[in-house]
Amino acid sequence: MGVFRRRHRVLLGSASGSLVTGLLSQAAVDAWGWRIPFLAGAVITLCGYLIRRHGLEEAYQPADAGVAWYKGPLRLAVTEHGTRMIQAIGIAAFFAGGFYLIFVYLTTYLSRVVGHPASHAFDIHSINMIIYTGMSVVGGFTGDRFGFRQEQRHVGTGGQSENHSRNQIGGKDGKFRDESAHALGRCRRQLDDAVDHIRSCRAASCPRGPCAGRTISSAVSDGDGGLHESDDYFGSRLRPFGHSPALLADPIMQAALFILAVSLLFLAYPGIDIWFSALFYHPDVGFPMNRLGAFVALRSLTEILLISAVIVLIAAAVIKLLRPTRPTPIRPCDIVFLLTTLALGPGLIVNAFFKEFWGRPRPSAVDLFGGDSPFVGIWELSDSCISNCSFVSGEAAAAMWLVAVAIAVPGRWRKPALILAVVLAVLLSLNRIAFGRHFLSDVLLAWGLTLLVIAVIHRIVVERPPVWLANDRLEACLTDLGLGLRRGTKHG
């Protein structure tokens, strides 16, 4: 929560700088306008002091202040958790350096080196902070739900019963009591996760396939404290959000509603596309970020990731054919799911259909940004572009396809993979907007179409497949094909 508050402070400072530079001339800002944010900060500081001075604070009192676990917290942290402290320091240093480069140095670079007006530079900075604040919310939710805060919450809800167990087990040995309390919290987390699995299946209303017969006893630990899904359980990979009605909790419906919401927004306010692209445009140099080596290298990352993923999938099938008696390194249904979504989403629907036949000119070709073509809104057919047009973004669709790859990874790594895939999709897609190659609506609709394809194909191939697409049937077919090839090779 403290990180979230710090992001708000930086966002407030960026927004105030954008407001001052937008309302005042550069001469006025240099003469006296730069003092306005500092004066406003003084007022905020005074308000904070008054709230702190007259507010009520509840002092923290440990549940059992007499045990050794609460004595010498610094010594305990160094001796018991030294490795984790080094990891935490490294992560903090990495994010501090990245934060300085993106949110401190970038504004100066855009205004003094690239030549952007100061107001545009601050606008870009504010947008970055909004995105970063949203990512902080996602990270905080993930930590609360799956990380250390969850353990604290479980210990807190255990109340006196868990403290009593901690004191009873192990006598005066404080370390053993801590291990026992940790074991109790781990068991409670396992039960809660199992109940979440059952609730998600009921919310999705799937009477057959992965949700059939799912019970608490089927979600057992394998001995290392982690819950593992059974081989035929895929339902949690596209778990519905929250406790919405079954229809709205369906991932297919959520993707369709996202497409509808984006379409209505940009049909009602088409100027959003122009405003957002103008943040990266300068009248003298056009879209300067498409000439910076770091951003050009970032663009090539999409192609590298796609080619690598396809090579890995094909290699898994080839390994199965070469060793037919062993299981496929990657589930055959996952191979079909990933290759099908890649071919249908970014391949057929986005690149072969929309980009070739819709005719929306790219931002760099629009007269508002130094081109010759008029601006064309979303879902509007046009002949201003002949081929490989702006609507919708093929690279944004390919970047969002990485979400499908994250869905297919083993359960223990799925949530971190999903977070990484979404972050990469956002960065790679914003890169295309900064290059003047796509509008914001092109990117958002490409995301929605790709997610819709992922949800539909996952339902057909993985969750509720026909008999001939079931994972066991595909595995058996690859086994028979590999054995046939081996026999043919021997006879030949």
Protein backbone atom coordinates (compact mmCIF):
# COMPACT_ATOMS: atom_id res chain seq x y z
CA MET A 1 0.00 0.00 0.00
CA GLY A 2 2.89 2.35 0.70
CA VAL A 3 4.22 1.80 -2.83
CA PHE A 4 0.78 2.66 -4.18
CA ARG A 5 0.72 5.91 -2.21
CA ARG A 6 4.17 6.85 -3.49
CA ARG A 7 3.00 6.30 -7.08
CA HIS A 8 0.10 8.65 -6.37
CA ARG A 9 2.47 11.35 -5.17
CA VAL A 10 4.64 11.09 -8.25
CA LEU A 11 1.55 11.03 -10.47
CA LEU A 12 0.23 14.17 -8.75
CA GLY A 13 3.55 15.94 -9.27
CA SER A 14 3.66 14.93 -12.94
CA ALA A 15 0.09 16.09 -13.49
CA SER A 16 0.80 19.44 -11.82
CA GLY A 17 3.86 19.92 -14.04
CA SER A 18 1.81 19.11 -17.12
CA LEU A 19 -0.87 21.60 -16.03
CA VAL A 20 1.60 24.41 -15.36
CA THR A 21 3.50 23.98 -18.64
CA GLY A 22 0.24 23.69 -20.55
CA LEU A 23 -1.35 26.86 -19.15
CA LEU A 24 1.69 29.12 -18.96
CA SER A 25 4.23 30.14 -21.53
CA GLN A 26 7.76 28.86 -21.34
CA ALA A 27 9.02 32.26 -20.26
CA ALA A 28 6.49 32.46 -17.44
CA VAL A 29 7.37 28.94 -16.30
CA ASP A 30 11.06 29.80 -16.21
CA ALA A 31 10.43 33.10 -14.40
CA TRP A 32 7.95 32.16 -11.67
CA GLY A 33 5.67 29.31 -12.75
CA TRP A 34 8.03 26.62 -11.51
CA ARG A 35 7.25 27.74 -7.94
CA ILE A 36 3.55 26.77 -8.20
CA PRO A 37 3.98 22.99 -7.64
CA PHE A 38 6.23 23.66 -4.65
CA LEU A 39 3.66 26.01 -3.09
CA ALA A 40 0.93 23.44 -3.69
CA GLY A 41 3.17 20.82 -2.06
CA ALA A 42 3.49 23.02 1.00
CA VAL A 43 -0.31 23.18 1.31
CA ILE A 44 -0.56 19.41 0.96
CA THR A 45 2.15 18.98 3.59
CA LEU A 46 0.23 21.19 6.01
CA CYS A 47 -2.96 19.20 5.42
CA GLY A 48 -1.09 15.98 6.03
CA TYR A 49 0.36 17.31 9.24
CA LEU A 50 -3.07 18.32 10.53
CA ILE A 51 -4.54 14.93 9.67
CA ARG A 52 -1.66 13.16 11.37
CA ARG A 53 -1.77 15.49 14.37
CA HIS A 54 -5.47 15.12 15.10
CA GLY A 55 -6.14 11.68 13.64
CA LEU A 56 -6.50 8.51 15.64
CA GLU A 57 -3.89 5.83 15.17
CA GLU A 58 -4.11 2.34 16.48
CA ALA A 59 -0.82 1.20 17.93
CA TYR A 60 0.40 -2.18 16.80
CA GLN A 61 0.57 -4.73 19.56
CA PRO A 62 1.97 -8.19 18.83
CA ALA A 63 -0.23 -11.14 19.63
CA ASP A 64 2.42 -12.53 21.99
CA ALA A 65 5.00 -9.87 22.76
CA GLY A 66 6.87 -12.13 25.17
CA VAL A 67 8.08 -14.79 22.73
CA ALA A 68 11.56 -14.68 21.27
CA TRP A 69 10.20 -14.31 17.75
CA TYR A 70 9.54 -10.61 18.40
CA LYS A 71 12.96 -9.87 19.91
CA GLY A 72 15.67 -8.41 17.72
CA PRO A 73 13.79 -8.10 14.41
CA LEU A 74 16.88 -6.88 12.53
CA ARG A 75 19.04 -9.71 13.81
CA LEU A 76 16.30 -12.22 13.04
CA ALA A 77 15.90 -10.86 9.50
CA VAL A 78 19.65 -11.08 8.78
CA THR A 79 20.21 -14.51 10.31
CA GLU A 80 17.02 -16.24 9.18
CA HIS A 81 16.21 -14.45 5.94
CA GLY A 82 19.51 -13.13 4.64
CA THR A 83 19.06 -14.58 1.14
CA ARG A 84 15.60 -13.14 0.80
CA MET A 85 16.82 -9.76 1.98
CA ILE A 86 19.50 -9.74 -0.73
CA GLN A 87 16.88 -10.70 -3.31
CA ALA A 88 14.56 -7.95 -2.10
CA ILE A 89 17.37 -5.37 -2.23
CA GLY A 90 18.23 -6.44 -5.77
CA ILE A 91 14.62 -6.18 -6.91
CA ALA A 92 14.27 -2.77 -5.26
CA ALA A 93 17.46 -1.54 -6.94
CA PHE A 94 16.26 -2.79 -10.32
CA PHE A 95 12.90 -1.07 -10.04
CA ALA A 96 14.46 2.11 -8.65
CA GLY A 97 16.82 2.32 -11.63
CA GLY A 98 14.03 1.58 -14.09
CA PHE A 99 11.77 4.11 -12.39
CA TYR A 100 14.42 6.83 -12.64
CA LEU A 101 15.12 6.14 -16.32
CA ILE A 102 11.47 6.03 -17.36
CA PHE A 103 9.86 8.63 -15.16
CA VAL A 104 12.69 11.08 -14.40
CA TYR A 105 15.18 10.98 -17.25
CA LEU A 106 12.61 10.37 -20.02
CA THR A 107 10.90 13.74 -19.56
CA THR A 108 14.19 15.63 -19.85
CA TYR A 109 15.26 13.52 -22.81
CA LEU A 110 12.03 14.12 -24.71
CA SER A 111 12.08 17.86 -24.15
CA ARG A 112 15.78 18.63 -24.65
CA VAL A 113 17.07 15.93 -27.02
CA VAL A 114 14.07 14.84 -29.09
CA GLY A 115 12.58 18.33 -29.12
CA HIS A 116 9.09 17.64 -27.76
CA PRO A 117 7.36 20.60 -26.12
CA ALA A 118 7.54 20.47 -22.35
CA SER A 119 3.76 20.10 -22.09
CA HIS A 120 3.80 17.01 -24.36
CA ALA A 121 6.69 15.53 -22.40
CA PHE A 122 4.79 15.94 -19.15
CA ASP A 123 1.66 14.46 -20.75
CA ILE A 124 3.62 11.36 -21.73
CA HIS A 125 5.09 11.24 -18.23
CA SER A 126 1.61 11.42 -16.68
CA ILE A 127 0.32 8.64 -18.94
CA ASN A 128 3.28 6.49 -17.94
CA MET A 129 2.51 7.11 -14.30
CA ILE A 130 -1.14 6.17 -14.77
CA ILE A 131 -0.08 2.90 -16.38
CA TYR A 132 2.50 2.32 -13.67
CA THR A 133 -0.07 3.02 -10.96
CA GLY A 134 -2.42 0.49 -12.53
CA MET A 135 0.38 -2.05 -12.62
CA SER A 136 1.03 -1.34 -8.94
CA VAL A 137 -2.60 -2.18 -8.19
CA VAL A 138 -2.28 -5.45 -10.10
CA GLY A 139 0.98 -6.26 -8.36
CA GLY A 140 -0.48 -5.43 -4.96
CA PHE A 141 -3.53 -7.58 -5.61
CA THR A 142 -1.32 -10.45 -6.73
CA GLY A 143 0.82 -10.12 -3.63
CA ASP A 144 -2.22 -10.00 -1.36
CA ARG A 145 -3.82 -12.94 -3.08
CA PHE A 146 -0.88 -15.24 -3.65
CA GLY A 147 2.03 -13.85 -1.66
CA PHE A 148 3.14 -12.81 1.78
CA ARG A 149 0.08 -10.73 2.65
CA GLN A 150 -2.09 -13.80 2.24
CA GLU A 151 -0.04 -15.58 4.91
CA GLN A 152 -0.42 -12.59 7.21
CA ARG A 153 -4.15 -12.54 6.58
CA HIS A 154 -4.47 -16.24 7.38
CA VAL A 155 -2.45 -15.87 10.55
CA GLY A 156 -4.60 -12.89 11.54
CA THR A 157 -7.88 -14.71 10.93
CA GLY A 158 -6.60 -17.69 12.88
CA GLY A 159 -6.65 -15.44 15.96
CA GLN A 160 -6.05 -16.91 19.35
CA SER A 161 -6.41 -20.52 18.19
CA GLU A 162 -3.30 -20.30 16.02
CA ASN A 163 -1.35 -18.41 18.69
CA HIS A 164 -2.37 -21.09 21.19
CA SER A 165 -1.16 -23.81 18.82
CA ARG A 166 2.10 -21.93 18.32
CA ASN A 167 2.70 -21.77 22.06
CA GLN A 168 1.65 -25.36 22.74
CA ILE A 169 3.69 -27.02 20.00
CA GLY A 170 7.39 -27.05 20.73
CA GLY A 171 7.47 -25.71 24.28
CA LYS A 172 10.07 -22.96 24.67
CA ASP A 173 11.68 -23.54 21.30
CA GLY A 174 10.61 -20.38 19.48
CA LYS A 175 11.95 -21.52 16.11
CA PHE A 176 9.98 -24.74 16.20
CA ARG A 177 6.85 -22.83 17.19
CA ASP A 178 7.32 -20.58 14.16
CA GLU A 179 7.70 -23.59 11.86
CA SER A 180 4.54 -25.11 13.30
CA ALA A 181 2.61 -21.87 12.83
CA HIS A 182 3.88 -21.65 9.25
CA ALA A 183 2.69 -25.23 8.64
CA LEU A 184 -0.75 -24.37 9.99
CA GLY A 185 -0.99 -21.34 7.73
CA ARG A 186 0.15 -23.39 4.75
CA CYS A 187 -2.57 -25.99 5.36
CA ARG A 188 -5.18 -23.25 5.58
CA ARG A 189 -3.95 -21.75 2.30
CA GLN A 190 -4.24 -25.12 0.61
CA LEU A 191 -7.83 -25.54 1.74
CA ASP A 192 -8.70 -22.00 0.62
CA ASP A 193 -7.17 -22.60 -2.81
CA ALA A 194 -9.14 -25.82 -3.19
CA VAL A 195 -12.37 -24.02 -2.30
CA ASP A 196 -11.51 -21.30 -4.86
CA HIS A 197 -11.16 -24.01 -7.51
CA ILE A 198 -14.63 -25.35 -6.74
CA ARG A 199 -16.20 -21.89 -6.71
CA SER A 200 -14.64 -21.01 -10.05
CA CYS A 201 -16.06 -24.18 -11.61
CA ARG A 202 -19.53 -23.46 -10.25
CA ALA A 203 -19.36 -19.87 -11.47
CA ALA A 204 -18.40 -21.03 -14.95
CA SER A 205 -21.33 -23.50 -14.91
CA CYS A 206 -19.45 -26.29 -16.64
CA PRO A 207 -21.20 -29.59 -15.81
CA ARG A 208 -18.75 -31.68 -17.82
CA GLY A 209 -15.09 -31.71 -18.77
CA PRO A 210 -12.54 -30.18 -16.40
CA CYS A 211 -14.99 -29.20 -13.67
CA ALA A 212 -16.73 -32.54 -13.42
CA GLY A 213 -16.06 -34.29 -10.15
CA ARG A 214 -13.68 -31.65 -8.82
CA THR A 215 -13.54 -32.00 -5.04
CA ILE A 216 -11.36 -30.76 -2.25
CA SER A 217 -9.75 -34.19 -1.95
CA SER A 218 -8.60 -34.00 -5.60
CA ALA A 219 -6.60 -30.81 -4.91
CA VAL A 220 -4.03 -32.28 -2.55
CA SER A 221 -0.46 -31.36 -1.89
CA ASP A 222 2.38 -33.37 -3.36
CA GLY A 223 4.48 -32.95 -0.24
CA ASP A 224 6.25 -29.67 -0.86
CA GLY A 225 3.44 -27.44 0.23
CA GLY A 226 2.20 -26.53 -3.25
CA LEU A 227 -1.12 -27.40 -4.78
CA HIS A 228 -1.00 -29.10 -8.14
CA GLU A 229 -3.78 -29.60 -10.62
CA SER A 230 -4.71 -33.07 -11.76
CA ASP A 231 -3.83 -34.03 -15.32
CA ASP A 232 -7.35 -33.51 -16.63
CA TYR A 233 -8.09 -30.26 -14.84
CA PHE A 234 -7.85 -27.21 -17.08
CA GLY A 235 -10.74 -25.10 -15.82
CA SER A 236 -8.67 -22.91 -13.50
CA ARG A 237 -6.50 -21.74 -16.40
CA LEU A 238 -9.26 -19.34 -17.47
CA ARG A 239 -10.74 -18.70 -14.07
CA PRO A 240 -13.63 -16.18 -14.04
CA PHE A 241 -13.07 -12.85 -12.35
CA GLY A 242 -14.81 -12.08 -9.07
CA HIS A 243 -18.25 -13.36 -8.19
CA SER A 244 -20.09 -12.10 -11.26
CA PRO A 245 -23.10 -13.92 -12.71
CA ALA A 246 -22.14 -17.01 -14.69
CA LEU A 247 -22.72 -15.33 -18.06
CA LEU A 248 -20.59 -12.27 -17.27
CA ALA A 249 -17.93 -14.43 -15.63
CA ASP A 250 -17.38 -16.36 -18.86
CA PRO A 251 -14.03 -15.33 -20.42
CA ILE A 252 -15.59 -15.42 -23.88
CA MET A 253 -18.29 -12.96 -22.80
CA GLN A 254 -15.71 -10.77 -21.07
CA ALA A 255 -13.60 -10.53 -24.23
CA ALA A 256 -16.69 -9.72 -26.32
CA LEU A 257 -17.76 -7.03 -23.85
CA PHE A 258 -14.25 -5.53 -23.95
CA ILE A 259 -14.46 -5.27 -27.76
CA LEU A 260 -17.92 -3.69 -27.49
CA ALA A 261 -16.82 -1.17 -24.84
CA VAL A 262 -13.73 -0.10 -26.83
CA SER A 263 -15.78 0.23 -30.01
CA LEU A 264 -18.46 2.38 -28.36
CA LEU A 265 -15.84 4.60 -26.69
CA PHE A 266 -13.91 5.37 -29.88
CA LEU A 267 -17.04 5.68 -32.02
CA ALA A 268 -18.35 8.30 -29.57
CA TYR A 269 -14.99 10.05 -29.09
CA PRO A 270 -12.75 9.47 -32.14
CA GLY A 271 -10.52 12.35 -31.09
CA ILE A 272 -8.95 10.12 -28.43
CA ASP A 273 -6.93 8.43 -31.19
CA ILE A 274 -5.63 11.75 -32.48
CA TRP A 275 -4.82 13.08 -29.01
CA PHE A 276 -2.92 9.95 -27.95
CA SER A 277 -0.85 9.72 -31.15
CA ALA A 278 -0.07 13.46 -30.93
CA LEU A 279 1.77 12.78 -27.66
CA PHE A 280 4.52 11.06 -29.66
CA TYR A 281 4.56 13.43 -32.63
CA HIS A 282 6.66 16.53 -33.28
CA PRO A 283 5.94 18.79 -36.27
CA ASP A 284 9.61 19.05 -37.23
CA VAL A 285 10.74 15.44 -36.90
CA GLY A 286 7.49 13.44 -37.10
CA PHE A 287 7.52 10.42 -34.78
CA PRO A 288 11.10 10.53 -33.48
CA MET A 289 10.97 7.39 -31.36
CA ASN A 290 10.99 5.16 -34.46
CA ARG A 291 14.62 6.18 -34.98
CA LEU A 292 15.85 5.31 -31.50
CA GLY A 293 17.80 2.07 -31.35
CA ALA A 294 16.37 0.84 -28.04
CA PHE A 295 12.76 1.09 -29.24
CA VAL A 296 13.60 -0.48 -32.60
CA ALA A 297 15.18 -3.40 -30.73
CA LEU A 298 12.08 -3.64 -28.54
CA ARG A 299 9.94 -4.02 -31.64
CA SER A 300 12.02 -7.00 -32.84
CA LEU A 301 11.34 -8.74 -29.52
CA THR A 302 7.83 -9.68 -30.69
CA GLU A 303 9.10 -11.58 -33.70
CA ILE A 304 11.81 -13.29 -31.63
CA LEU A 305 9.30 -14.48 -29.04
CA LEU A 306 6.83 -15.76 -31.65
CA ILE A 307 9.46 -17.67 -33.60
CA SER A 308 10.89 -19.15 -30.40
CA ALA A 309 7.46 -20.27 -29.22
CA VAL A 310 6.63 -21.94 -32.54
CA ILE A 311 10.03 -23.70 -32.61
CA VAL A 312 9.49 -25.02 -29.08
CA LEU A 313 6.00 -26.33 -29.94
CA ILE A 314 7.17 -28.07 -33.11
CA ALA A 315 10.21 -29.47 -31.29
CA ALA A 316 7.95 -30.96 -28.60
CA ALA A 317 5.93 -32.82 -31.25
CA VAL A 318 9.11 -34.02 -33.00
CA ILE A 319 10.58 -35.27 -29.72
CA LYS A 320 7.39 -37.26 -29.13
CA LEU A 321 7.68 -38.86 -32.58
CA LEU A 322 11.32 -39.74 -31.93
CA ARG A 323 10.51 -41.15 -28.48
CA PRO A 324 6.94 -42.43 -28.90
CA THR A 325 6.86 -44.45 -25.68
CA ARG A 326 7.42 -41.37 -23.51
CA PRO A 327 4.92 -38.58 -22.80
CA THR A 328 4.97 -35.48 -24.97
CA PRO A 329 7.08 -32.72 -23.34
CA ILE A 330 4.16 -30.32 -23.92
CA ARG A 331 0.57 -31.56 -23.79
CA PRO A 332 -0.68 -32.25 -27.32
CA CYS A 333 -3.86 -30.29 -26.62
CA ASP A 334 -1.73 -27.29 -25.60
CA ILE A 335 0.26 -27.56 -28.83
CA VAL A 336 -2.97 -27.55 -30.85
CA PHE A 337 -4.38 -24.72 -28.71
CA LEU A 338 -1.35 -22.45 -29.13
CA LEU A 339 -0.77 -23.05 -32.84
CA THR A 340 -4.48 -22.66 -33.63
CA THR A 341 -4.85 -19.39 -31.70
CA LEU A 342 -1.71 -17.98 -33.33
CA ALA A 343 -2.90 -18.93 -36.82
CA LEU A 344 -6.48 -17.70 -36.34
CA GLY A 345 -5.97 -14.60 -34.18
CA PRO A 346 -2.87 -12.65 -35.24
CA GLY A 347 -2.62 -14.59 -38.51
CA LEU A 348 -5.96 -14.95 -40.27
CA ILE A 349 -8.35 -12.53 -38.54
CA VAL A 350 -6.00 -9.62 -37.88
CA ASN A 351 -3.38 -9.66 -40.64
CA ALA A 352 -5.11 -11.48 -43.48
CA PHE A 353 -8.57 -9.91 -43.03
CA PHE A 354 -8.71 -6.61 -41.18
CA LYS A 355 -5.31 -5.17 -42.15
CA GLU A 356 -5.75 -6.05 -45.83
CA PHE A 357 -9.38 -5.04 -46.42
CA TRP A 358 -10.36 -2.29 -43.96
CA GLY A 359 -8.24 0.50 -45.47
CA ARG A 360 -7.57 2.66 -42.41
CA PRO A 361 -4.40 4.75 -42.97
CA ARG A 362 -1.65 4.66 -40.40
CA PRO A 363 -1.06 7.72 -38.17
CA SER A 364 2.14 8.66 -40.01
CA ALA A 365 0.14 8.77 -43.26
CA VAL A 366 -2.64 11.00 -41.89
CA ASP A 367 -2.58 14.70 -42.80
CA LEU A 368 -2.73 15.65 -39.12
CA PHE A 369 0.72 14.10 -38.69
CA GLY A 370 2.41 15.16 -41.90
CA GLY A 371 0.83 12.64 -44.29
CA ASP A 372 -1.59 12.96 -47.20
CA SER A 373 -4.58 10.83 -46.13
CA PRO A 374 -7.56 11.95 -44.03
CA PHE A 375 -8.17 10.56 -40.56
CA VAL A 376 -10.47 7.52 -40.57
CA GLY A 377 -12.26 6.29 -37.44
CA ILE A 378 -12.59 2.70 -36.28
CA TRP A 379 -14.93 0.26 -38.06
CA GLU A 380 -15.05 2.67 -41.01
CA LEU A 381 -14.22 1.17 -44.39
CA SER A 382 -11.94 3.31 -46.50
CA ASP A 383 -9.83 3.22 -49.66
CA SER A 384 -7.17 5.55 -48.24
CA CYS A 385 -4.89 2.56 -47.65
CA ILE A 386 -4.46 -0.31 -50.09
CA SER A 387 -2.62 -2.99 -48.09
CA ASN A 388 -1.06 -3.61 -44.67
CA CYS A 389 -3.13 -0.84 -43.11
CA SER A 390 -3.54 0.43 -39.58
CA PHE A 391 -6.74 -1.35 -38.49
CA VAL A 392 -6.02 -3.43 -36.44
CA SER A 393 -2.50 -3.82 -35.04
CA GLY A 394 -0.92 -7.12 -36.03
CA GLU A 395 2.03 -6.78 -33.66
CA ALA A 396 -0.25 -5.88 -30.75
CA ALA A 397 -2.29 -9.02 -31.49
CA ALA A 398 0.88 -11.11 -31.65
CA ALA A 399 2.08 -9.62 -28.35
CA MET A 400 -1.25 -10.37 -26.67
CA TRP A 401 -1.02 -13.96 -27.96
CA LEU A 402 1.73 -14.41 -25.37
CA VAL A 403 -1.13 -14.59 -22.85
CA ALA A 404 -2.09 -17.93 -24.44
CA VAL A 405 1.47 -19.15 -23.90
CA ALA A 406 1.26 -18.08 -20.25
CA ILE A 407 -2.04 -19.94 -19.85
CA ALA A 408 -0.40 -23.15 -21.07
CA VAL A 409 2.54 -23.12 -18.65
CA PRO A 410 2.39 -25.31 -15.50
CA GLY A 411 0.13 -24.06 -12.74
CA ARG A 412 2.89 -23.02 -10.35
CA TRP A 413 4.35 -20.58 -12.89
CA ARG A 414 1.12 -19.55 -14.60
CA LYS A 415 0.32 -16.38 -12.66
CA PRO A 416 3.84 -14.86 -12.90
CA ALA A 417 3.86 -15.80 -16.59
CA LEU A 418 0.51 -14.08 -17.12
CA ILE A 419 1.75 -10.90 -15.45
CA LEU A 420 4.93 -10.93 -17.57
CA ALA A 421 2.93 -11.58 -20.77
CA VAL A 422 0.54 -8.68 -20.09
CA VAL A 423 3.41 -6.30 -19.29
CA LEU A 424 5.22 -7.29 -22.51
CA ALA A 425 2.01 -6.89 -24.52
CA VAL A 426 1.50 -3.37 -23.16
CA LEU A 427 5.10 -2.30 -23.82
CA LEU A 428 5.28 -3.79 -27.32
CA SER A 429 1.91 -2.30 -28.27
CA LEU A 430 2.71 1.17 -26.96
CA ASN A 431 5.91 0.97 -28.96
CA ARG A 432 3.87 0.69 -32.16
CA ILE A 433 1.82 3.75 -31.23
CA ALA A 434 4.98 5.72 -30.46
CA PHE A 435 6.33 4.77 -33.91
CA GLY A 436 3.26 6.34 -35.56
CA ARG A 437 2.23 2.99 -37.02
CA HIS A 438 -1.03 2.44 -35.15
CA PHE A 439 -3.70 4.35 -33.27
CA LEU A 440 -4.68 3.50 -29.72
CA SER A 441 -7.97 1.94 -30.89
CA ASP A 442 -6.05 -0.34 -33.28
CA VAL A 443 -4.12 -1.75 -30.34
CA LEU A 444 -7.07 -2.16 -27.98
CA LEU A 445 -9.26 -3.88 -30.55
CA ALA A 446 -6.37 -6.16 -31.54
CA TRP A 447 -6.11 -7.17 -27.88
CA GLY A 448 -9.82 -7.84 -27.64
CA LEU A 449 -9.98 -9.91 -30.85
CA THR A 450 -6.96 -11.98 -29.82
CA LEU A 451 -8.32 -12.60 -26.32
CA LEU A 452 -11.66 -13.62 -27.81
CA VAL A 453 -9.95 -16.15 -30.08
CA ILE A 454 -7.91 -17.47 -27.14
CA ALA A 455 -11.02 -17.91 -24.97
CA VAL A 456 -13.03 -19.63 -27.73
CA ILE A 457 -10.25 -22.00 -28.81
CA HIS A 458 -9.41 -22.82 -25.19
CA ARG A 459 -13.06 -23.77 -24.64
CA ILE A 460 -13.14 -25.98 -27.75
CA VAL A 461 -9.70 -27.59 -27.60
CA VAL A 462 -8.81 -27.74 -23.89
CA GLU A 463 -11.83 -27.33 -21.64
CA ARG A 464 -14.57 -29.18 -23.55
CA PRO A 465 -12.95 -30.90 -26.51
CA PRO A 466 -14.71 -33.37 -28.79
CA VAL A 467 -13.59 -36.96 -28.49
CA TRP A 468 -11.12 -36.74 -31.36
CA LEU A 469 -9.47 -33.63 -29.83
CA ALA A 470 -9.13 -34.96 -26.28
CA ASN A 471 -5.61 -34.85 -24.91
CA ASP A 472 -5.43 -38.62 -24.41
CA ARG A 473 -6.56 -39.24 -27.98
CA LEU A 474 -3.97 -36.83 -29.37
CA GLU A 475 -1.28 -38.43 -27.21
CA ALA A 476 -2.25 -41.88 -28.46
CA CYS A 477 -2.21 -40.71 -32.09
CA LEU A 478 1.29 -39.27 -31.71
CA THR A 479 2.41 -42.51 -30.04
CA ASP A 480 1.02 -44.64 -32.86
CA LEU A 481 2.53 -42.34 -35.49
CA GLY A 482 5.93 -42.43 -33.79
CA LEU A 483 5.87 -46.22 -33.48
CA GLY A 484 4.83 -46.51 -37.14
CA LEU A 485 7.70 -44.29 -38.22
CA ARG A 486 10.10 -46.32 -36.09
CA ARG A 487 8.89 -49.61 -37.62
CA GLY A 488 9.08 -48.13 -41.12
CA THR A 489 12.62 -46.97 -40.49
CA LYS A 490 13.69 -50.40 -39.27
CA HIS A 491 12.08 -52.22 -42.23
CA GLY A 492 13.59 -49.73 -44.66
